Amino acid sequence: MAKKTEDLPINDEIRVSELMVIGPNGEQMGVKSLNDALTIANFAGLDLVLMNGNGTPAVGKIMDYNKYRYEKQKKMKEAQKKQRETNKEMKEYRLSATIDIHDFDTRVKNAREYLQKGHKVRGFLRFKGRQAAHPEIGLEILNRFAENLRDDSVIETPVKQEGKIMAIILAPKK
């Protein structure tokens, strides 16, 4: 079985002669030789884990190592889950001033699915050529996009135009 680098040395893997021993309930048992510490751990039916091998003296703790690893993995998974929750993605949907009804409906349907997963949606429209002379067309399309998604979203950023691009950002309803 391959040993992972983040695993702590336990029992016979420990290579120090003396260490400060911490009991299973957190009490300090003093500086002991490695053999004495291993005997105490075996008597308790637990593992001797080297928590800090660089200190003077090194620090070892008597504990159930498998339970420790399990709880550590559980905390890591929970932290990753919380990180995913805070880092929701933003999906962009490109519309056009001359978009067809079915293309529009497809984008609305896909955006709705994405909003229901808890992600934000950005609908944007890029004007080409003379289309920029009629921003009211783009405004009407983006407002219709937001209106079709009003059951699943709230408008986070209203429609605004930056050069030839007009955009709206929708966030999922809580």
N, C-alpha and C. Protein backbone atom coordinates (compact mmCIF):
# COMPACT_ATOMS: atom_id res chain seq x y z
N MET A 1 0.84 -1.17 0.00
CA MET A 1 0.00 0.00 0.00
C MET A 1 0.90 1.25 0.00
N ALA A 2 0.70 2.13 -0.96
CA ALA A 2 1.53 3.33 -1.09
C ALA A 2 1.18 4.33 -0.01
N LYS A 3 2.19 4.95 0.56
CA LYS A 3 2.00 5.94 1.63
C LYS A 3 1.91 7.33 1.01
N LYS A 4 0.86 8.05 1.35
CA LYS A 4 0.70 9.41 0.84
C LYS A 4 1.61 10.35 1.62
N THR A 5 2.05 11.41 0.96
CA THR A 5 2.99 12.34 1.60
C THR A 5 2.36 13.12 2.74
N GLU A 6 1.02 13.34 2.72
CA GLU A 6 0.41 14.12 3.79
C GLU A 6 0.08 13.27 5.02
N ASP A 7 0.24 11.94 4.93
CA ASP A 7 0.00 11.08 6.08
C ASP A 7 1.07 11.31 7.14
N LEU A 8 0.66 11.26 8.38
CA LEU A 8 1.60 11.43 9.49
C LEU A 8 2.22 10.08 9.84
N PRO A 9 3.48 10.06 10.28
CA PRO A 9 4.09 8.79 10.70
C PRO A 9 3.38 8.24 11.94
N ILE A 10 3.09 6.94 11.94
CA ILE A 10 2.43 6.32 13.08
C ILE A 10 3.22 5.10 13.54
N ASN A 11 3.10 4.79 14.80
CA ASN A 11 3.69 3.62 15.45
C ASN A 11 5.13 3.35 15.03
N ASP A 12 5.37 2.29 14.26
CA ASP A 12 6.73 1.88 13.91
C ASP A 12 7.38 2.78 12.86
N GLU A 13 6.64 3.68 12.25
CA GLU A 13 7.20 4.58 11.24
C GLU A 13 7.91 5.78 11.88
N ILE A 14 7.71 5.98 13.17
CA ILE A 14 8.30 7.12 13.87
C ILE A 14 9.79 6.88 14.06
N ARG A 15 10.62 7.88 13.75
CA ARG A 15 12.08 7.74 13.79
C ARG A 15 12.75 8.72 14.76
N VAL A 16 12.12 9.01 15.89
CA VAL A 16 12.74 9.86 16.90
C VAL A 16 12.93 9.03 18.17
N SER A 17 13.92 9.38 18.98
CA SER A 17 14.18 8.59 20.19
C SER A 17 13.30 9.02 21.36
N GLU A 18 13.06 10.32 21.50
CA GLU A 18 12.21 10.82 22.58
C GLU A 18 11.15 11.75 22.02
N LEU A 19 9.99 11.73 22.67
CA LEU A 19 8.93 12.63 22.23
C LEU A 19 8.01 13.00 23.38
N MET A 20 7.42 14.18 23.28
CA MET A 20 6.42 14.64 24.24
C MET A 20 5.13 13.91 23.87
N VAL A 21 4.55 13.19 24.83
CA VAL A 21 3.37 12.37 24.55
C VAL A 21 2.13 13.10 25.06
N ILE A 22 1.13 13.16 24.20
CA ILE A 22 -0.17 13.72 24.56
C ILE A 22 -1.15 12.57 24.56
N GLY A 23 -1.89 12.42 25.65
CA GLY A 23 -2.81 11.30 25.82
C GLY A 23 -4.04 11.42 24.94
N PRO A 24 -4.88 10.37 24.94
CA PRO A 24 -6.07 10.36 24.08
C PRO A 24 -7.10 11.43 24.46
N ASN A 25 -7.06 11.91 25.70
CA ASN A 25 -8.01 12.94 26.14
C ASN A 25 -7.40 14.33 26.10
N GLY A 26 -6.19 14.46 25.53
CA GLY A 26 -5.55 15.76 25.41
C GLY A 26 -4.62 16.10 26.57
N GLU A 27 -4.47 15.21 27.54
CA GLU A 27 -3.60 15.51 28.67
C GLU A 27 -2.14 15.23 28.30
N GLN A 28 -1.24 16.06 28.82
CA GLN A 28 0.19 15.87 28.54
C GLN A 28 0.72 14.80 29.48
N MET A 29 1.43 13.84 28.92
CA MET A 29 1.97 12.73 29.70
C MET A 29 3.47 12.88 29.91
N GLY A 30 4.06 13.96 29.39
CA GLY A 30 5.47 14.22 29.58
C GLY A 30 6.33 13.65 28.46
N VAL A 31 7.66 13.86 28.59
CA VAL A 31 8.61 13.37 27.59
C VAL A 31 8.88 11.90 27.88
N LYS A 32 8.70 11.06 26.87
CA LYS A 32 8.88 9.60 27.02
C LYS A 32 9.79 9.12 25.90
N SER A 33 10.40 7.97 26.12
CA SER A 33 11.15 7.33 25.04
C SER A 33 10.14 6.74 24.06
N LEU A 34 10.58 6.47 22.86
CA LEU A 34 9.68 5.94 21.83
C LEU A 34 9.08 4.61 22.26
N ASN A 35 9.88 3.72 22.85
CA ASN A 35 9.37 2.41 23.27
C ASN A 35 8.30 2.55 24.34
N ASP A 36 8.52 3.46 25.32
CA ASP A 36 7.52 3.67 26.37
C ASP A 36 6.22 4.21 25.78
N ALA A 37 6.33 5.16 24.86
CA ALA A 37 5.14 5.75 24.23
C ALA A 37 4.37 4.71 23.43
N LEU A 38 5.09 3.86 22.68
CA LEU A 38 4.43 2.80 21.91
C LEU A 38 3.73 1.81 22.83
N THR A 39 4.35 1.50 23.97
CA THR A 39 3.75 0.57 24.94
C THR A 39 2.45 1.16 25.49
N ILE A 40 2.48 2.43 25.83
CA ILE A 40 1.28 3.10 26.36
C ILE A 40 0.17 3.09 25.30
N ALA A 41 0.53 3.39 24.05
CA ALA A 41 -0.47 3.41 22.97
C ALA A 41 -1.05 2.03 22.74
N ASN A 42 -0.20 0.99 22.73
CA ASN A 42 -0.69 -0.38 22.53
C ASN A 42 -1.60 -0.80 23.67
N PHE A 43 -1.25 -0.43 24.90
CA PHE A 43 -2.05 -0.76 26.06
C PHE A 43 -3.44 -0.13 25.96
N ALA A 44 -3.50 1.10 25.41
CA ALA A 44 -4.78 1.79 25.25
C ALA A 44 -5.54 1.31 24.02
N GLY A 45 -4.88 0.51 23.17
CA GLY A 45 -5.53 0.03 21.95
C GLY A 45 -5.61 1.09 20.87
N LEU A 46 -4.72 2.08 20.91
CA LEU A 46 -4.73 3.18 19.95
C LEU A 46 -3.38 3.29 19.26
N ASP A 47 -3.23 4.28 18.41
CA ASP A 47 -1.99 4.49 17.65
C ASP A 47 -1.22 5.66 18.24
N LEU A 48 0.10 5.60 18.12
CA LEU A 48 0.96 6.74 18.46
C LEU A 48 1.24 7.46 17.15
N VAL A 49 0.83 8.73 17.05
CA VAL A 49 0.96 9.51 15.82
C VAL A 49 1.93 10.66 16.07
N LEU A 50 2.92 10.80 15.22
CA LEU A 50 3.89 11.89 15.33
C LEU A 50 3.26 13.14 14.73
N MET A 51 2.84 14.08 15.60
CA MET A 51 2.16 15.28 15.14
C MET A 51 3.14 16.34 14.67
N ASN A 52 4.30 16.47 15.38
CA ASN A 52 5.31 17.46 15.00
C ASN A 52 6.68 16.86 15.26
N GLY A 53 7.36 16.45 14.21
CA GLY A 53 8.66 15.83 14.34
C GLY A 53 9.80 16.83 14.38
N ASN A 54 9.52 18.11 14.08
CA ASN A 54 10.57 19.13 14.02
C ASN A 54 10.81 19.82 15.35
N GLY A 55 9.88 19.69 16.29
CA GLY A 55 10.01 20.39 17.58
C GLY A 55 11.05 19.73 18.47
N THR A 56 11.41 20.44 19.54
CA THR A 56 12.32 19.87 20.52
C THR A 56 11.61 19.87 21.86
N PRO A 57 11.13 18.80 22.39
CA PRO A 57 11.13 17.47 21.79
C PRO A 57 10.01 17.33 20.76
N ALA A 58 10.08 16.29 19.95
CA ALA A 58 9.02 15.99 18.98
C ALA A 58 7.73 15.71 19.75
N VAL A 59 6.59 15.95 19.10
CA VAL A 59 5.31 15.77 19.76
C VAL A 59 4.56 14.61 19.12
N GLY A 60 4.14 13.68 19.97
CA GLY A 60 3.35 12.54 19.51
C GLY A 60 2.05 12.48 20.27
N LYS A 61 0.99 12.04 19.60
CA LYS A 61 -0.32 11.97 20.26
C LYS A 61 -0.85 10.55 20.14
N ILE A 62 -1.47 10.10 21.22
CA ILE A 62 -2.10 8.78 21.23
C ILE A 62 -3.55 8.98 20.80
N MET A 63 -3.93 8.34 19.68
CA MET A 63 -5.29 8.52 19.14
C MET A 63 -5.61 7.36 18.20
N ASP A 64 -6.87 7.31 17.80
CA ASP A 64 -7.30 6.36 16.77
C ASP A 64 -7.02 7.04 15.42
N TYR A 65 -5.97 6.61 14.75
CA TYR A 65 -5.51 7.30 13.55
C TYR A 65 -6.52 7.22 12.41
N ASN A 66 -7.19 6.07 12.26
CA ASN A 66 -8.17 5.95 11.17
C ASN A 66 -9.34 6.91 11.36
N LYS A 67 -9.77 7.08 12.60
CA LYS A 67 -10.84 8.03 12.90
C LYS A 67 -10.38 9.46 12.60
N TYR A 68 -9.14 9.77 12.97
CA TYR A 68 -8.56 11.09 12.71
C TYR A 68 -8.53 11.39 11.21
N ARG A 69 -8.06 10.41 10.42
CA ARG A 69 -8.00 10.60 8.96
C ARG A 69 -9.40 10.77 8.37
N TYR A 70 -10.36 9.97 8.85
CA TYR A 70 -11.73 10.05 8.35
C TYR A 70 -12.32 11.44 8.60
N GLU A 71 -12.14 11.94 9.83
CA GLU A 71 -12.68 13.26 10.16
C GLU A 71 -11.98 14.37 9.38
N LYS A 72 -10.69 14.19 9.14
CA LYS A 72 -9.94 15.18 8.35
C LYS A 72 -10.46 15.22 6.91
N GLN A 73 -10.72 14.04 6.32
CA GLN A 73 -11.26 13.98 4.96
C GLN A 73 -12.65 14.58 4.91
N LYS A 74 -13.45 14.34 5.94
CA LYS A 74 -14.80 14.87 6.00
C LYS A 74 -14.77 16.40 6.02
N LYS A 75 -13.86 16.97 6.82
CA LYS A 75 -13.72 18.42 6.88
C LYS A 75 -13.28 18.99 5.55
N MET A 76 -12.35 18.30 4.87
CA MET A 76 -11.88 18.77 3.56
C MET A 76 -13.01 18.78 2.55
N LYS A 77 -13.83 17.72 2.53
CA LYS A 77 -14.96 17.66 1.59
C LYS A 77 -15.96 18.77 1.88
N GLU A 78 -16.21 19.03 3.16
CA GLU A 78 -17.14 20.09 3.53
C GLU A 78 -16.61 21.46 3.10
N ALA A 79 -15.30 21.66 3.28
CA ALA A 79 -14.69 22.93 2.86
C ALA A 79 -14.77 23.10 1.34
N GLN A 80 -14.54 22.01 0.60
CA GLN A 80 -14.64 22.08 -0.86
C GLN A 80 -16.07 22.37 -1.29
N LYS A 81 -17.03 21.79 -0.59
CA LYS A 81 -18.43 22.01 -0.91
C LYS A 81 -18.79 23.48 -0.70
N LYS A 82 -18.33 24.05 0.42
CA LYS A 82 -18.60 25.46 0.70
C LYS A 82 -17.92 26.36 -0.32
N GLN A 83 -16.73 25.96 -0.76
CA GLN A 83 -16.02 26.75 -1.75
C GLN A 83 -16.77 26.74 -3.08
N ARG A 84 -17.31 25.58 -3.45
CA ARG A 84 -18.10 25.50 -4.69
C ARG A 84 -19.34 26.37 -4.59
N GLU A 85 -19.95 26.40 -3.40
CA GLU A 85 -21.16 27.21 -3.22
C GLU A 85 -20.85 28.69 -3.43
N THR A 86 -19.69 29.15 -2.92
CA THR A 86 -19.37 30.56 -3.05
C THR A 86 -18.86 30.92 -4.43
N ASN A 87 -18.32 29.96 -5.14
CA ASN A 87 -17.76 30.23 -6.46
C ASN A 87 -18.67 29.74 -7.58
N LYS A 88 -19.92 30.12 -7.51
CA LYS A 88 -20.84 29.73 -8.57
C LYS A 88 -20.40 30.35 -9.89
N GLU A 89 -20.63 29.62 -10.95
CA GLU A 89 -20.21 30.09 -12.27
C GLU A 89 -21.23 31.06 -12.86
N MET A 90 -20.77 31.80 -13.85
CA MET A 90 -21.68 32.66 -14.59
C MET A 90 -21.68 32.16 -16.03
N LYS A 91 -22.85 31.82 -16.51
CA LYS A 91 -23.00 31.33 -17.88
C LYS A 91 -23.45 32.49 -18.75
N GLU A 92 -22.84 32.59 -19.92
CA GLU A 92 -23.19 33.69 -20.83
C GLU A 92 -24.01 33.16 -22.00
N TYR A 93 -25.03 33.89 -22.34
CA TYR A 93 -25.87 33.55 -23.49
C TYR A 93 -25.85 34.72 -24.46
N ARG A 94 -25.38 34.46 -25.68
CA ARG A 94 -25.28 35.50 -26.69
C ARG A 94 -26.57 35.53 -27.51
N LEU A 95 -27.13 36.68 -27.54
CA LEU A 95 -28.34 36.91 -28.33
C LEU A 95 -27.97 37.86 -29.46
N SER A 96 -28.87 38.05 -30.40
CA SER A 96 -28.59 39.03 -31.47
C SER A 96 -29.87 39.82 -31.73
N ALA A 97 -29.70 40.93 -32.42
CA ALA A 97 -30.84 41.79 -32.71
C ALA A 97 -31.81 41.11 -33.68
N THR A 98 -31.33 40.13 -34.42
CA THR A 98 -32.17 39.45 -35.41
C THR A 98 -32.41 38.00 -35.03
N ILE A 99 -32.46 37.69 -33.72
CA ILE A 99 -32.61 36.30 -33.27
C ILE A 99 -34.00 35.77 -33.60
N ASP A 100 -34.04 34.51 -34.00
CA ASP A 100 -35.29 33.85 -34.35
C ASP A 100 -36.01 33.40 -33.06
N ILE A 101 -37.28 33.19 -33.12
CA ILE A 101 -38.09 32.83 -31.95
C ILE A 101 -37.60 31.53 -31.32
N HIS A 102 -37.35 30.50 -32.13
CA HIS A 102 -36.94 29.20 -31.59
C HIS A 102 -35.55 29.26 -30.98
N ASP A 103 -34.64 30.02 -31.60
CA ASP A 103 -33.31 30.18 -31.01
C ASP A 103 -33.41 30.89 -29.66
N PHE A 104 -34.26 31.89 -29.61
CA PHE A 104 -34.47 32.63 -28.37
C PHE A 104 -35.03 31.70 -27.28
N ASP A 105 -36.04 30.91 -27.65
CA ASP A 105 -36.66 29.99 -26.69
C ASP A 105 -35.66 28.95 -26.19
N THR A 106 -34.79 28.47 -27.06
CA THR A 106 -33.77 27.50 -26.65
C THR A 106 -32.82 28.11 -25.64
N ARG A 107 -32.40 29.34 -25.88
CA ARG A 107 -31.49 30.00 -24.94
C ARG A 107 -32.18 30.25 -23.60
N VAL A 108 -33.46 30.61 -23.63
CA VAL A 108 -34.21 30.82 -22.40
C VAL A 108 -34.32 29.51 -21.62
N LYS A 109 -34.60 28.42 -22.32
CA LYS A 109 -34.74 27.11 -21.67
C LYS A 109 -33.42 26.69 -21.01
N ASN A 110 -32.30 26.85 -21.73
CA ASN A 110 -30.99 26.49 -21.19
C ASN A 110 -30.61 27.38 -20.01
N ALA A 111 -30.93 28.68 -20.12
CA ALA A 111 -30.63 29.61 -19.04
C ALA A 111 -31.45 29.26 -17.79
N ARG A 112 -32.69 28.85 -17.99
CA ARG A 112 -33.55 28.47 -16.86
C ARG A 112 -32.95 27.27 -16.11
N GLU A 113 -32.49 26.27 -16.85
CA GLU A 113 -31.87 25.09 -16.23
C GLU A 113 -30.64 25.50 -15.42
N TYR A 114 -29.86 26.40 -15.99
CA TYR A 114 -28.64 26.85 -15.32
C TYR A 114 -28.96 27.64 -14.06
N LEU A 115 -29.99 28.48 -14.12
CA LEU A 115 -30.42 29.25 -12.95
C LEU A 115 -30.93 28.34 -11.84
N GLN A 116 -31.63 27.27 -12.22
CA GLN A 116 -32.16 26.34 -11.23
C GLN A 116 -31.04 25.58 -10.52
N LYS A 117 -29.87 25.48 -11.15
CA LYS A 117 -28.71 24.86 -10.50
C LYS A 117 -28.04 25.83 -9.53
N GLY A 118 -28.45 27.11 -9.55
CA GLY A 118 -27.91 28.10 -8.62
C GLY A 118 -26.85 29.00 -9.20
N HIS A 119 -26.66 28.98 -10.51
CA HIS A 119 -25.63 29.80 -11.14
C HIS A 119 -26.24 31.09 -11.69
N LYS A 120 -25.38 32.07 -11.93
CA LYS A 120 -25.82 33.33 -12.52
C LYS A 120 -25.81 33.20 -14.04
N VAL A 121 -26.59 34.06 -14.68
CA VAL A 121 -26.69 34.06 -16.14
C VAL A 121 -26.48 35.49 -16.64
N ARG A 122 -25.67 35.60 -17.69
CA ARG A 122 -25.47 36.90 -18.33
C ARG A 122 -25.97 36.78 -19.76
N GLY A 123 -26.98 37.57 -20.08
CA GLY A 123 -27.47 37.62 -21.45
C GLY A 123 -26.88 38.86 -22.10
N PHE A 124 -26.24 38.69 -23.25
CA PHE A 124 -25.68 39.87 -23.90
C PHE A 124 -25.95 39.84 -25.39
N LEU A 125 -25.92 41.03 -25.95
CA LEU A 125 -26.25 41.21 -27.35
C LEU A 125 -25.17 42.10 -27.96
N ARG A 126 -24.57 41.64 -29.03
CA ARG A 126 -23.53 42.42 -29.71
C ARG A 126 -24.13 42.98 -31.00
N PHE A 127 -24.09 44.31 -31.09
CA PHE A 127 -24.62 44.96 -32.30
C PHE A 127 -23.57 44.90 -33.40
N LYS A 128 -24.05 44.63 -34.62
CA LYS A 128 -23.14 44.58 -35.78
C LYS A 128 -23.55 45.67 -36.76
N GLY A 129 -22.58 46.39 -37.23
CA GLY A 129 -22.82 47.40 -38.26
C GLY A 129 -23.86 48.42 -37.87
N ARG A 130 -24.89 48.56 -38.72
CA ARG A 130 -25.92 49.58 -38.50
C ARG A 130 -26.91 49.23 -37.39
N GLN A 131 -26.82 48.02 -36.85
CA GLN A 131 -27.73 47.64 -35.75
C GLN A 131 -27.52 48.55 -34.54
N ALA A 132 -26.30 49.07 -34.39
CA ALA A 132 -25.99 49.92 -33.24
C ALA A 132 -26.82 51.20 -33.25
N ALA A 133 -27.38 51.57 -34.39
CA ALA A 133 -28.20 52.77 -34.49
C ALA A 133 -29.58 52.56 -33.84
N HIS A 134 -29.91 51.29 -33.53
CA HIS A 134 -31.23 50.98 -32.96
C HIS A 134 -31.08 50.20 -31.65
N PRO A 135 -30.58 50.85 -30.59
CA PRO A 135 -30.40 50.13 -29.32
C PRO A 135 -31.72 49.70 -28.68
N GLU A 136 -32.83 50.32 -29.09
CA GLU A 136 -34.13 49.95 -28.51
C GLU A 136 -34.50 48.51 -28.86
N ILE A 137 -34.01 47.99 -30.01
CA ILE A 137 -34.27 46.60 -30.39
C ILE A 137 -33.56 45.66 -29.41
N GLY A 138 -32.29 45.97 -29.11
CA GLY A 138 -31.53 45.17 -28.17
C GLY A 138 -32.12 45.22 -26.77
N LEU A 139 -32.56 46.42 -26.37
CA LEU A 139 -33.18 46.59 -25.06
C LEU A 139 -34.44 45.74 -24.94
N GLU A 140 -35.23 45.72 -26.01
CA GLU A 140 -36.47 44.94 -25.99
C GLU A 140 -36.17 43.44 -25.92
N ILE A 141 -35.15 42.96 -26.62
CA ILE A 141 -34.80 41.53 -26.60
C ILE A 141 -34.29 41.12 -25.22
N LEU A 142 -33.42 41.92 -24.62
CA LEU A 142 -32.89 41.59 -23.30
C LEU A 142 -33.96 41.67 -22.22
N ASN A 143 -34.86 42.63 -22.33
CA ASN A 143 -35.97 42.70 -21.37
C ASN A 143 -36.90 41.50 -21.51
N ARG A 144 -37.11 41.06 -22.75
CA ARG A 144 -37.93 39.86 -22.97
C ARG A 144 -37.24 38.62 -22.40
N PHE A 145 -35.91 38.56 -22.54
CA PHE A 145 -35.11 37.46 -21.99
C PHE A 145 -35.30 37.42 -20.46
N ALA A 146 -35.20 38.58 -19.81
CA ALA A 146 -35.37 38.66 -18.36
C ALA A 146 -36.81 38.35 -17.96
N GLU A 147 -37.76 38.81 -18.75
CA GLU A 147 -39.17 38.58 -18.45
C GLU A 147 -39.51 37.09 -18.52
N ASN A 148 -38.96 36.38 -19.50
CA ASN A 148 -39.22 34.94 -19.62
C ASN A 148 -38.59 34.15 -18.48
N LEU A 149 -37.57 34.70 -17.84
CA LEU A 149 -36.88 34.01 -16.75
C LEU A 149 -37.25 34.56 -15.38
N ARG A 150 -38.27 35.41 -15.28
CA ARG A 150 -38.58 36.06 -14.01
C ARG A 150 -39.02 35.09 -12.92
N ASP A 151 -39.55 33.90 -13.28
CA ASP A 151 -39.96 32.92 -12.28
C ASP A 151 -38.76 32.32 -11.54
N ASP A 152 -37.63 32.24 -12.22
CA ASP A 152 -36.45 31.58 -11.65
C ASP A 152 -35.33 32.54 -11.28
N SER A 153 -35.49 33.83 -11.61
CA SER A 153 -34.35 34.73 -11.40
C SER A 153 -34.80 36.12 -10.96
N VAL A 154 -33.80 36.85 -10.49
CA VAL A 154 -33.97 38.27 -10.21
C VAL A 154 -32.90 39.02 -10.99
N ILE A 155 -33.19 40.24 -11.35
CA ILE A 155 -32.22 41.02 -12.12
C ILE A 155 -31.17 41.56 -11.16
N GLU A 156 -29.93 41.10 -11.36
CA GLU A 156 -28.83 41.57 -10.51
C GLU A 156 -28.27 42.89 -11.05
N THR A 157 -28.06 42.93 -12.36
CA THR A 157 -27.59 44.15 -13.02
C THR A 157 -28.54 44.45 -14.17
N PRO A 158 -29.19 45.60 -14.14
CA PRO A 158 -30.12 45.90 -15.23
C PRO A 158 -29.38 46.06 -16.57
N VAL A 159 -30.16 46.16 -17.63
CA VAL A 159 -29.58 46.27 -18.97
C VAL A 159 -28.72 47.53 -19.05
N LYS A 160 -27.47 47.33 -19.49
CA LYS A 160 -26.62 48.49 -19.73
C LYS A 160 -25.78 48.24 -20.97
N GLN A 161 -25.49 49.34 -21.65
CA GLN A 161 -24.75 49.25 -22.90
C GLN A 161 -23.34 49.77 -22.71
N GLU A 162 -22.39 48.99 -23.22
CA GLU A 162 -20.98 49.39 -23.21
C GLU A 162 -20.47 49.24 -24.63
N GLY A 163 -20.40 50.33 -25.34
CA GLY A 163 -19.97 50.27 -26.73
C GLY A 163 -20.99 49.55 -27.59
N LYS A 164 -20.55 48.49 -28.29
CA LYS A 164 -21.45 47.74 -29.16
C LYS A 164 -22.09 46.55 -28.45
N ILE A 165 -21.86 46.42 -27.13
CA ILE A 165 -22.42 45.29 -26.38
C ILE A 165 -23.42 45.80 -25.35
N MET A 166 -24.56 45.14 -25.31
CA MET A 166 -25.60 45.45 -24.33
C MET A 166 -25.79 44.18 -23.51
N ALA A 167 -25.82 44.28 -22.16
CA ALA A 167 -25.87 43.08 -21.33
C ALA A 167 -26.79 43.25 -20.14
N ILE A 168 -27.24 42.09 -19.62
CA ILE A 168 -28.04 42.03 -18.39
C ILE A 168 -27.54 40.81 -17.61
N ILE A 169 -27.51 40.93 -16.28
CA ILE A 169 -27.07 39.81 -15.45
C ILE A 169 -28.23 39.41 -14.56
N LEU A 170 -28.55 38.12 -14.57
CA LEU A 170 -29.64 37.56 -13.78
C LEU A 170 -29.07 36.61 -12.73
N ALA A 171 -29.57 36.69 -11.51
CA ALA A 171 -29.14 35.80 -10.43
C ALA A 171 -30.32 34.91 -10.07
N PRO A 172 -30.05 33.70 -9.59
CA PRO A 172 -31.16 32.80 -9.22
C PRO A 172 -31.91 33.34 -8.00
N LYS A 173 -33.21 33.02 -7.94
CA LYS A 173 -34.00 33.40 -6.77
C LYS A 173 -33.58 32.52 -5.61
N LYS A 174 -33.63 33.07 -4.42
CA LYS A 174 -33.27 32.31 -3.21
C LYS A 174 -34.38 31.38 -2.84
